[in-house]
């Protein structure tokens, strides 16, 4: 089994920064990539960023590219999401997810992920 736990959310002003953390534990050798998603009230879950433990794959959604940075600490099985220049439209619950094996071109689809964290709230006020 694999466990996923996020932390680091909070309430900030527009233009501020936050760093989210995602710790993946358990059979992590089965989960080569880790992704961040977000979900605002009444909205569908949206892909934010992805990283592989080998760093061979890193990708971002267009809405966060240039403002968010995904990184990792393999020794701690932790993936980070550095969020800069936050906007009110970034307000959402941010969730970390992983899956057994590679997802290829379907990495942006929430349905392909096997393991999810409980989420951490990010609120950005104007």
Foldseek 3Di string as FASTA:
>chain_A
DKAKAKDWADEEAQQAKTKMKIAIDDPCVQWQKKFKWWDAPPGDIWTAWMAGPVRPDIDGDPVQPPFWDWDDDVVRNMIMIIGGRDDQVVWTWMKMFTAGDDDPPCVGPPVRTDYIHPTDTHGYHD
